[in-house]
Amino acid sequence: MKLFRILAVWCFILGTTAGLAPVQAQPEQTEVEFSSAPQAEVEMADTLRRDGKIYVVVIVLLTVMVGMILYLVSLDRKVSKLEKQMRE
């Protein structure tokens, strides 16, 4: 049952912090930065957002996370059952 408490606290913290800072694309920089290395622009997030594929990425990540949580819960139940059998 400790696993359920840990997961509940983790989900609560994740849920409360997710609403605090919305994720936005970085604005275009108009200032010229002087550095010795050339700056490479990362357009992957903008391209995924524009094509609507960012939602597919989010769904896949959520599916993997839910699968891992369900696996940990089932593993915790099995271990608890084995511990109970060893005590008897």
PDB file of N, CA and C in Angstrom:
ATOM      1  N   MET A   1       0.815  -1.193   0.000  1.00  0.00           N
ATOM      2  CA  MET A   1       0.000   0.000   0.000  1.00  0.00           C
ATOM      3  C   MET A   1       0.863   1.263   0.000  1.00  0.00           C
ATOM      4  N   LYS A   2       2.131   1.134   0.333  1.00  0.00           N
ATOM      5  CA  LYS A   2       3.012   2.300   0.300  1.00  0.00           C
ATOM      6  C   LYS A   2       3.162   2.815  -1.123  1.00  0.00           C
ATOM      7  N   LEU A   3       3.138   1.888  -2.088  1.00  0.00           N
ATOM      8  CA  LEU A   3       3.274   2.286  -3.482  1.00  0.00           C
ATOM      9  C   LEU A   3       2.120   3.182  -3.909  1.00  0.00           C
ATOM     10  N   PHE A   4       0.908   2.860  -3.447  1.00  0.00           N
ATOM     11  CA  PHE A   4      -0.250   3.687  -3.789  1.00  0.00           C
ATOM     12  C   PHE A   4      -0.099   5.092  -3.217  1.00  0.00           C
ATOM     13  N   ARG A   5       0.411   5.206  -2.016  1.00  0.00           N
ATOM     14  CA  ARG A   5       0.616   6.522  -1.413  1.00  0.00           C
ATOM     15  C   ARG A   5       1.662   7.316  -2.183  1.00  0.00           C
ATOM     16  N   ILE A   6       2.746   6.655  -2.549  1.00  0.00           N
ATOM     17  CA  ILE A   6       3.802   7.322  -3.302  1.00  0.00           C
ATOM     18  C   ILE A   6       3.276   7.782  -4.646  1.00  0.00           C
ATOM     19  N   LEU A   7       2.529   6.922  -5.341  1.00  0.00           N
ATOM     20  CA  LEU A   7       1.974   7.290  -6.635  1.00  0.00           C
ATOM     21  C   LEU A   7       0.957   8.418  -6.503  1.00  0.00           C
ATOM     22  N   ALA A   8       0.160   8.397  -5.446  1.00  0.00           N
ATOM     23  CA  ALA A   8      -0.834   9.450  -5.244  1.00  0.00           C
ATOM     24  C   ALA A   8      -0.157  10.793  -5.007  1.00  0.00           C
ATOM     25  N   VAL A   9       0.874  10.807  -4.179  1.00  0.00           N
ATOM     26  CA  VAL A   9       1.602  12.054  -3.916  1.00  0.00           C
ATOM     27  C   VAL A   9       2.293  12.538  -5.186  1.00  0.00           C
ATOM     28  N   TRP A  10       2.889  11.630  -5.931  1.00  0.00           N
ATOM     29  CA  TRP A  10       3.579  11.981  -7.169  1.00  0.00           C
ATOM     30  C   TRP A  10       2.603  12.570  -8.180  1.00  0.00           C
ATOM     31  N   CYS A  11       1.441  11.950  -8.343  1.00  0.00           N
ATOM     32  CA  CYS A  11       0.429  12.461  -9.272  1.00  0.00           C
ATOM     33  C   CYS A  11      -0.105  13.819  -8.811  1.00  0.00           C
ATOM     34  N   PHE A  12      -0.271  13.996  -7.511  1.00  0.00           N
ATOM     35  CA  PHE A  12      -0.747  15.273  -6.993  1.00  0.00           C
ATOM     36  C   PHE A  12       0.259  16.384  -7.288  1.00  0.00           C
ATOM     37  N   ILE A  13       1.526  16.112  -7.031  1.00  0.00           N
ATOM     38  CA  ILE A  13       2.569  17.111  -7.286  1.00  0.00           C
ATOM     39  C   ILE A  13       2.669  17.400  -8.773  1.00  0.00           C
ATOM     40  N   LEU A  14       2.624  16.371  -9.590  1.00  0.00           N
ATOM     41  CA  LEU A  14       2.701  16.561 -11.033  1.00  0.00           C
ATOM     42  C   LEU A  14       1.500  17.352 -11.543  1.00  0.00           C
ATOM     43  N   GLY A  15       0.318  17.050 -11.024  1.00  0.00           N
ATOM     44  CA  GLY A  15      -0.886  17.751 -11.457  1.00  0.00           C
ATOM     45  C   GLY A  15      -0.907  19.203 -11.039  1.00  0.00           C
ATOM     46  N   THR A  16      -0.417  19.497  -9.850  1.00  0.00           N
ATOM     47  CA  THR A  16      -0.439  20.886  -9.397  1.00  0.00           C
ATOM     48  C   THR A  16       0.636  21.721 -10.075  1.00  0.00           C
ATOM     49  N   THR A  17       1.776  21.141 -10.365  1.00  0.00           N
ATOM     50  CA  THR A  17       2.841  21.917 -11.011  1.00  0.00           C
ATOM     51  C   THR A  17       2.619  22.046 -12.505  1.00  0.00           C
ATOM     52  N   ALA A  18       1.866  21.155 -13.111  1.00  0.00           N
ATOM     53  CA  ALA A  18       1.646  21.231 -14.559  1.00  0.00           C
ATOM     54  C   ALA A  18       0.800  22.446 -14.924  1.00  0.00           C
ATOM     55  N   GLY A  19      -0.089  22.850 -14.057  1.00  0.00           N
ATOM     56  CA  GLY A  19      -0.945  23.988 -14.360  1.00  0.00           C
ATOM     57  C   GLY A  19      -0.318  25.333 -14.045  1.00  0.00           C
ATOM     58  N   LEU A  20       0.813  25.337 -13.379  1.00  0.00           N
ATOM     59  CA  LEU A  20       1.417  26.602 -12.977  1.00  0.00           C
ATOM     60  C   LEU A  20       2.148  27.302 -14.107  1.00  0.00           C
ATOM     61  N   ALA A  21       2.858  26.568 -14.912  1.00  0.00           N
ATOM     62  CA  ALA A  21       3.673  27.176 -15.960  1.00  0.00           C
ATOM     63  C   ALA A  21       3.310  26.571 -17.308  1.00  0.00           C
ATOM     64  N   PRO A  22       2.459  27.241 -18.080  1.00  0.00           N
ATOM     65  CA  PRO A  22       2.120  26.707 -19.400  1.00  0.00           C
ATOM     66  C   PRO A  22       3.335  26.732 -20.324  1.00  0.00           C
ATOM     67  N   VAL A  23       3.442  25.721 -21.152  1.00  0.00           N
ATOM     68  CA  VAL A  23       4.572  25.604 -22.064  1.00  0.00           C
ATOM     69  C   VAL A  23       4.252  26.387 -23.331  1.00  0.00           C
ATOM     70  N   GLN A  24       5.182  27.258 -23.714  1.00  0.00           N
ATOM     71  CA  GLN A  24       5.009  28.047 -24.926  1.00  0.00           C
ATOM     72  C   GLN A  24       6.298  28.012 -25.717  1.00  0.00           C
ATOM     73  N   ALA A  25       6.154  28.234 -27.014  1.00  0.00           N
ATOM     74  CA  ALA A  25       7.340  28.284 -27.864  1.00  0.00           C
ATOM     75  C   ALA A  25       8.136  29.536 -27.543  1.00  0.00           C
ATOM     76  N   GLN A  26       9.423  29.456 -27.740  1.00  0.00           N
ATOM     77  CA  GLN A  26      10.265  30.605 -27.479  1.00  0.00           C
ATOM     78  C   GLN A  26      10.038  31.664 -28.556  1.00  0.00           C
ATOM     79  N   PRO A  27       9.973  32.937 -28.147  1.00  0.00           N
ATOM     80  CA  PRO A  27       9.770  33.991 -29.145  1.00  0.00           C
ATOM     81  C   PRO A  27      11.010  34.157 -30.013  1.00  0.00           C
ATOM     82  N   GLU A  28      10.791  34.705 -31.184  1.00  0.00           N
ATOM     83  CA  GLU A  28      11.904  34.971 -32.094  1.00  0.00           C
ATOM     84  C   GLU A  28      12.856  35.972 -31.458  1.00  0.00           C
ATOM     85  N   GLN A  29      14.143  35.729 -31.582  1.00  0.00           N
ATOM     86  CA  GLN A  29      15.123  36.646 -31.035  1.00  0.00           C
ATOM     87  C   GLN A  29      15.544  37.626 -32.125  1.00  0.00           C
ATOM     88  N   THR A  30      15.387  38.903 -31.847  1.00  0.00           N
ATOM     89  CA  THR A  30      15.764  39.920 -32.831  1.00  0.00           C
ATOM     90  C   THR A  30      17.159  40.450 -32.575  1.00  0.00           C
ATOM     91  N   GLU A  31      17.693  40.214 -31.383  1.00  0.00           N
ATOM     92  CA  GLU A  31      19.029  40.690 -31.065  1.00  0.00           C
ATOM     93  C   GLU A  31      20.064  39.733 -31.642  1.00  0.00           C
ATOM     94  N   VAL A  32      21.172  40.281 -32.035  1.00  0.00           N
ATOM     95  CA  VAL A  32      22.251  39.477 -32.561  1.00  0.00           C
ATOM     96  C   VAL A  32      23.148  39.071 -31.402  1.00  0.00           C
ATOM     97  N   GLU A  33      23.366  37.773 -31.271  1.00  0.00           N
ATOM     98  CA  GLU A  33      24.249  37.277 -30.216  1.00  0.00           C
ATOM     99  C   GLU A  33      25.611  36.978 -30.830  1.00  0.00           C
ATOM    100  N   PHE A  34      26.630  37.449 -30.175  1.00  0.00           N
ATOM    101  CA  PHE A  34      27.980  37.221 -30.644  1.00  0.00           C
ATOM    102  C   PHE A  34      28.586  36.055 -29.886  1.00  0.00           C
ATOM    103  N   SER A  35      28.944  35.025 -30.614  1.00  0.00           N
ATOM    104  CA  SER A  35      29.617  33.882 -29.999  1.00  0.00           C
ATOM    105  C   SER A  35      30.508  33.240 -31.048  1.00  0.00           C
ATOM    106  N   SER A  36      31.416  32.432 -30.588  1.00  0.00           N
ATOM    107  CA  SER A  36      32.343  31.803 -31.515  1.00  0.00           C
ATOM    108  C   SER A  36      31.707  30.616 -32.232  1.00  0.00           C
ATOM    109  N   ALA A  37      30.713  29.964 -31.600  1.00  0.00           N
ATOM    110  CA  ALA A  37      30.068  28.811 -32.213  1.00  0.00           C
ATOM    111  C   ALA A  37      28.762  29.248 -32.878  1.00  0.00           C
ATOM    112  N   PRO A  38      28.471  28.715 -34.059  1.00  0.00           N
ATOM    113  CA  PRO A  38      27.214  29.077 -34.713  1.00  0.00           C
ATOM    114  C   PRO A  38      26.023  28.478 -33.953  1.00  0.00           C
ATOM    115  N   GLN A  39      24.928  29.227 -33.885  1.00  0.00           N
ATOM    116  CA  GLN A  39      23.728  28.782 -33.186  1.00  0.00           C
ATOM    117  C   GLN A  39      22.853  27.979 -34.144  1.00  0.00           C
ATOM    118  N   ALA A  40      22.492  26.767 -33.727  1.00  0.00           N
ATOM    119  CA  ALA A  40      21.602  25.939 -34.538  1.00  0.00           C
ATOM    120  C   ALA A  40      20.179  26.106 -34.018  1.00  0.00           C
ATOM    121  N   GLU A  41      19.243  26.356 -34.923  1.00  0.00           N
ATOM    122  CA  GLU A  41      17.853  26.523 -34.528  1.00  0.00           C
ATOM    123  C   GLU A  41      17.173  25.167 -34.456  1.00  0.00           C
ATOM    124  N   VAL A  42      16.412  24.942 -33.397  1.00  0.00           N
ATOM    125  CA  VAL A  42      15.683  23.696 -33.233  1.00  0.00           C
ATOM    126  C   VAL A  42      14.231  23.973 -33.586  1.00  0.00           C
ATOM    127  N   GLU A  43      13.796  23.412 -34.680  1.00  0.00           N
ATOM    128  CA  GLU A  43      12.450  23.670 -35.155  1.00  0.00           C
ATOM    129  C   GLU A  43      11.534  22.462 -34.976  1.00  0.00           C
ATOM    130  N   MET A  44      12.023  21.426 -34.288  1.00  0.00           N
ATOM    131  CA  MET A  44      11.249  20.201 -34.172  1.00  0.00           C
ATOM    132  C   MET A  44       9.936  20.431 -33.433  1.00  0.00           C
ATOM    133  N   ALA A  45       9.967  21.145 -32.305  1.00  0.00           N
ATOM    134  CA  ALA A  45       8.757  21.363 -31.525  1.00  0.00           C
ATOM    135  C   ALA A  45       7.751  22.199 -32.303  1.00  0.00           C
ATOM    136  N   ASP A  46       8.237  23.215 -33.010  1.00  0.00           N
ATOM    137  CA  ASP A  46       7.330  24.047 -33.802  1.00  0.00           C
ATOM    138  C   ASP A  46       6.712  23.252 -34.950  1.00  0.00           C
ATOM    139  N   THR A  47       7.515  22.405 -35.573  1.00  0.00           N
ATOM    140  CA  THR A  47       7.006  21.595 -36.679  1.00  0.00           C
ATOM    141  C   THR A  47       5.974  20.589 -36.175  1.00  0.00           C
ATOM    142  N   LEU A  48       6.264  19.925 -35.055  1.00  0.00           N
ATOM    143  CA  LEU A  48       5.307  18.963 -34.508  1.00  0.00           C
ATOM    144  C   LEU A  48       4.014  19.654 -34.097  1.00  0.00           C
ATOM    145  N   ARG A  49       4.122  20.833 -33.507  1.00  0.00           N
ATOM    146  CA  ARG A  49       2.930  21.575 -33.092  1.00  0.00           C
ATOM    147  C   ARG A  49       2.125  22.030 -34.305  1.00  0.00           C
ATOM    148  N   ARG A  50       2.815  22.501 -35.330  1.00  0.00           N
ATOM    149  CA  ARG A  50       2.123  22.989 -36.524  1.00  0.00           C
ATOM    150  C   ARG A  50       1.399  21.849 -37.244  1.00  0.00           C
ATOM    151  N   ASP A  51       2.027  20.666 -37.311  1.00  0.00           N
ATOM    152  CA  ASP A  51       1.422  19.531 -38.002  1.00  0.00           C
ATOM    153  C   ASP A  51       0.417  18.787 -37.136  1.00  0.00           C
ATOM    154  N   GLY A  52       0.330  19.124 -35.850  1.00  0.00           N
ATOM    155  CA  GLY A  52      -0.615  18.452 -34.962  1.00  0.00           C
ATOM    156  C   GLY A  52      -0.096  17.123 -34.437  1.00  0.00           C
ATOM    157  N   LYS A  53       1.165  16.825 -34.660  1.00  0.00           N
ATOM    158  CA  LYS A  53       1.732  15.553 -34.220  1.00  0.00           C
ATOM    159  C   LYS A  53       2.217  15.589 -32.774  1.00  0.00           C
ATOM    160  N   ILE A  54       2.257  16.771 -32.174  1.00  0.00           N
ATOM    161  CA  ILE A  54       2.701  16.867 -30.783  1.00  0.00           C
ATOM    162  C   ILE A  54       1.747  16.110 -29.879  1.00  0.00           C
ATOM    163  N   TYR A  55       0.468  16.060 -30.276  1.00  0.00           N
ATOM    164  CA  TYR A  55      -0.512  15.334 -29.474  1.00  0.00           C
ATOM    165  C   TYR A  55      -0.254  13.831 -29.518  1.00  0.00           C
ATOM    166  N   VAL A  56       0.238  13.337 -30.638  1.00  0.00           N
ATOM    167  CA  VAL A  56       0.597  11.922 -30.742  1.00  0.00           C
ATOM    168  C   VAL A  56       1.757  11.617 -29.802  1.00  0.00           C
ATOM    169  N   VAL A  57       2.728  12.499 -29.755  1.00  0.00           N
ATOM    170  CA  VAL A  57       3.878  12.315 -28.859  1.00  0.00           C
ATOM    171  C   VAL A  57       3.418  12.299 -27.406  1.00  0.00           C
ATOM    172  N   VAL A  58       2.526  13.232 -27.047  1.00  0.00           N
ATOM    173  CA  VAL A  58       2.030  13.302 -25.674  1.00  0.00           C
ATOM    174  C   VAL A  58       1.251  12.039 -25.327  1.00  0.00           C
ATOM    175  N   ILE A  59       0.411  11.557 -26.235  1.00  0.00           N
ATOM    176  CA  ILE A  59      -0.374  10.346 -25.976  1.00  0.00           C
ATOM    177  C   ILE A  59       0.526   9.138 -25.814  1.00  0.00           C
ATOM    178  N   VAL A  60       1.556   9.022 -26.634  1.00  0.00           N
ATOM    179  CA  VAL A  60       2.489   7.890 -26.511  1.00  0.00           C
ATOM    180  C   VAL A  60       3.213   7.940 -25.173  1.00  0.00           C
ATOM    181  N   LEU A  61       3.675   9.119 -24.773  1.00  0.00           N
ATOM    182  CA  LEU A  61       4.361   9.250 -23.485  1.00  0.00           C
ATOM    183  C   LEU A  61       3.433   8.919 -22.323  1.00  0.00           C
ATOM    184  N   LEU A  62       2.193   9.388 -22.383  1.00  0.00           N
ATOM    185  CA  LEU A  62       1.236   9.073 -21.325  1.00  0.00           C
ATOM    186  C   LEU A  62       0.929   7.585 -21.280  1.00  0.00           C
ATOM    187  N   THR A  63       0.820   6.950 -22.443  1.00  0.00           N
ATOM    188  CA  THR A  63       0.567   5.508 -22.493  1.00  0.00           C
ATOM    189  C   THR A  63       1.708   4.733 -21.851  1.00  0.00           C
ATOM    190  N   VAL A  64       2.931   5.129 -22.147  1.00  0.00           N
ATOM    191  CA  VAL A  64       4.092   4.456 -21.555  1.00  0.00           C
ATOM    192  C   VAL A  64       4.097   4.654 -20.042  1.00  0.00           C
ATOM    193  N   MET A  65       3.835   5.876 -19.587  1.00  0.00           N
ATOM    194  CA  MET A  65       3.827   6.142 -18.142  1.00  0.00           C
ATOM    195  C   MET A  65       2.728   5.356 -17.426  1.00  0.00           C
ATOM    196  N   VAL A  66       1.525   5.314 -18.008  1.00  0.00           N
ATOM    197  CA  VAL A  66       0.423   4.557 -17.396  1.00  0.00           C
ATOM    198  C   VAL A  66       0.762   3.076 -17.368  1.00  0.00           C
ATOM    199  N   GLY A  67       1.366   2.573 -18.440  1.00  0.00           N
ATOM    200  CA  GLY A  67       1.779   1.165 -18.470  1.00  0.00           C
ATOM    201  C   GLY A  67       2.797   0.848 -17.388  1.00  0.00           C
ATOM    202  N   MET A  68       3.750   1.740 -17.190  1.00  0.00           N
ATOM    203  CA  MET A  68       4.753   1.520 -16.144  1.00  0.00           C
ATOM    204  C   MET A  68       4.116   1.543 -14.757  1.00  0.00           C
ATOM    205  N   ILE A  69       3.182   2.462 -14.537  1.00  0.00           N
ATOM    206  CA  ILE A  69       2.521   2.540 -13.235  1.00  0.00           C
ATOM    207  C   ILE A  69       1.695   1.285 -12.985  1.00  0.00           C
ATOM    208  N   LEU A  70       0.946   0.825 -13.997  1.00  0.00           N
ATOM    209  CA  LEU A  70       0.150  -0.399 -13.832  1.00  0.00           C
ATOM    210  C   LEU A  70       1.053  -1.611 -13.563  1.00  0.00           C
ATOM    211  N   TYR A  71       2.192  -1.674 -14.231  1.00  0.00           N
ATOM    212  CA  TYR A  71       3.123  -2.771 -13.989  1.00  0.00           C
ATOM    213  C   TYR A  71       3.654  -2.725 -12.560  1.00  0.00           C
ATOM    214  N   LEU A  72       4.009  -1.540 -12.066  1.00  0.00           N
ATOM    215  CA  LEU A  72       4.502  -1.421 -10.699  1.00  0.00           C
ATOM    216  C   LEU A  72       3.435  -1.787  -9.678  1.00  0.00           C
ATOM    217  N   VAL A  73       2.183  -1.407  -9.938  1.00  0.00           N
ATOM    218  CA  VAL A  73       1.100  -1.750  -9.022  1.00  0.00           C
ATOM    219  C   VAL A  73       0.892  -3.256  -8.990  1.00  0.00           C
ATOM    220  N   SER A  74       0.884  -3.902 -10.157  1.00  0.00           N
ATOM    221  CA  SER A  74       0.700  -5.359 -10.173  1.00  0.00           C
ATOM    222  C   SER A  74       1.885  -6.064  -9.512  1.00  0.00           C
ATOM    223  N   LEU A  75       3.081  -5.561  -9.726  1.00  0.00           N
ATOM    224  CA  LEU A  75       4.264  -6.149  -9.095  1.00  0.00           C
ATOM    225  C   LEU A  75       4.209  -5.984  -7.583  1.00  0.00           C
ATOM    226  N   ASP A  76       3.735  -4.841  -7.110  1.00  0.00           N
ATOM    227  CA  ASP A  76       3.597  -4.608  -5.681  1.00  0.00           C
ATOM    228  C   ASP A  76       2.586  -5.569  -5.068  1.00  0.00           C
ATOM    229  N   ARG A  77       1.486  -5.812  -5.763  1.00  0.00           N
ATOM    230  CA  ARG A  77       0.484  -6.758  -5.263  1.00  0.00           C
ATOM    231  C   ARG A  77       1.052  -8.172  -5.179  1.00  0.00           C
ATOM    232  N   LYS A  78       1.807  -8.576  -6.186  1.00  0.00           N
ATOM    233  CA  LYS A  78       2.395  -9.921  -6.178  1.00  0.00           C
ATOM    234  C   LYS A  78       3.394 -10.069  -5.027  1.00  0.00           C
ATOM    235  N   VAL A  79       4.221  -9.046  -4.821  1.00  0.00           N
ATOM    236  CA  VAL A  79       5.207  -9.112  -3.745  1.00  0.00           C
ATOM    237  C   VAL A  79       4.508  -9.127  -2.388  1.00  0.00           C
ATOM    238  N   SER A  80       3.442  -8.325  -2.247  1.00  0.00           N
ATOM    239  CA  SER A  80       2.696  -8.325  -0.989  1.00  0.00           C
ATOM    240  C   SER A  80       2.081  -9.686  -0.718  1.00  0.00           C
ATOM    241  N   LYS A  81       1.564 -10.325  -1.757  1.00  0.00           N
ATOM    242  CA  LYS A  81       0.976 -11.661  -1.599  1.00  0.00           C
ATOM    243  C   LYS A  81       2.041 -12.674  -1.182  1.00  0.00           C
ATOM    244  N   LEU A  82       3.217 -12.598  -1.790  1.00  0.00           N
ATOM    245  CA  LEU A  82       4.305 -13.512  -1.426  1.00  0.00           C
ATOM    246  C   LEU A  82       4.779 -13.267   0.005  1.00  0.00           C
ATOM    247  N   GLU A  83       4.848 -12.007   0.422  1.00  0.00           N
ATOM    248  CA  GLU A  83       5.250 -11.702   1.797  1.00  0.00           C
ATOM    249  C   GLU A  83       4.234 -12.246   2.787  1.00  0.00           C
ATOM    250  N   LYS A  84       2.967 -12.143   2.448  1.00  0.00           N
ATOM    251  CA  LYS A  84       1.920 -12.650   3.320  1.00  0.00           C
ATOM    252  C   LYS A  84       2.000 -14.176   3.422  1.00  0.00           C
ATOM    253  N   GLN A  85       2.298 -14.853   2.317  1.00  0.00           N
ATOM    254  CA  GLN A  85       2.434 -16.314   2.335  1.00  0.00           C
ATOM    255  C   GLN A  85       3.636 -16.747   3.162  1.00  0.00           C
ATOM    256  N   MET A  86       4.697 -15.978   3.140  1.00  0.00           N
ATOM    257  CA  MET A  86       5.899 -16.352   3.902  1.00  0.00           C
ATOM    258  C   MET A  86       5.667 -16.175   5.403  1.00  0.00           C
ATOM    259  N   ARG A  87       4.826 -15.237   5.797  1.00  0.00           N
ATOM    260  CA  ARG A  87       4.536 -15.034   7.215  1.00  0.00           C
ATOM    261  C   ARG A  87       3.690 -16.160   7.775  1.00  0.00           C
ATOM    262  N   GLU A  88       2.867 -16.781   6.961  1.00  0.00           N
ATOM    263  CA  GLU A  88       1.965 -17.834   7.448  1.00  0.00           C
ATOM    264  C   GLU A  88       2.653 -19.139   7.682  1.00  0.00           C
TER     265      GLU A  88
END
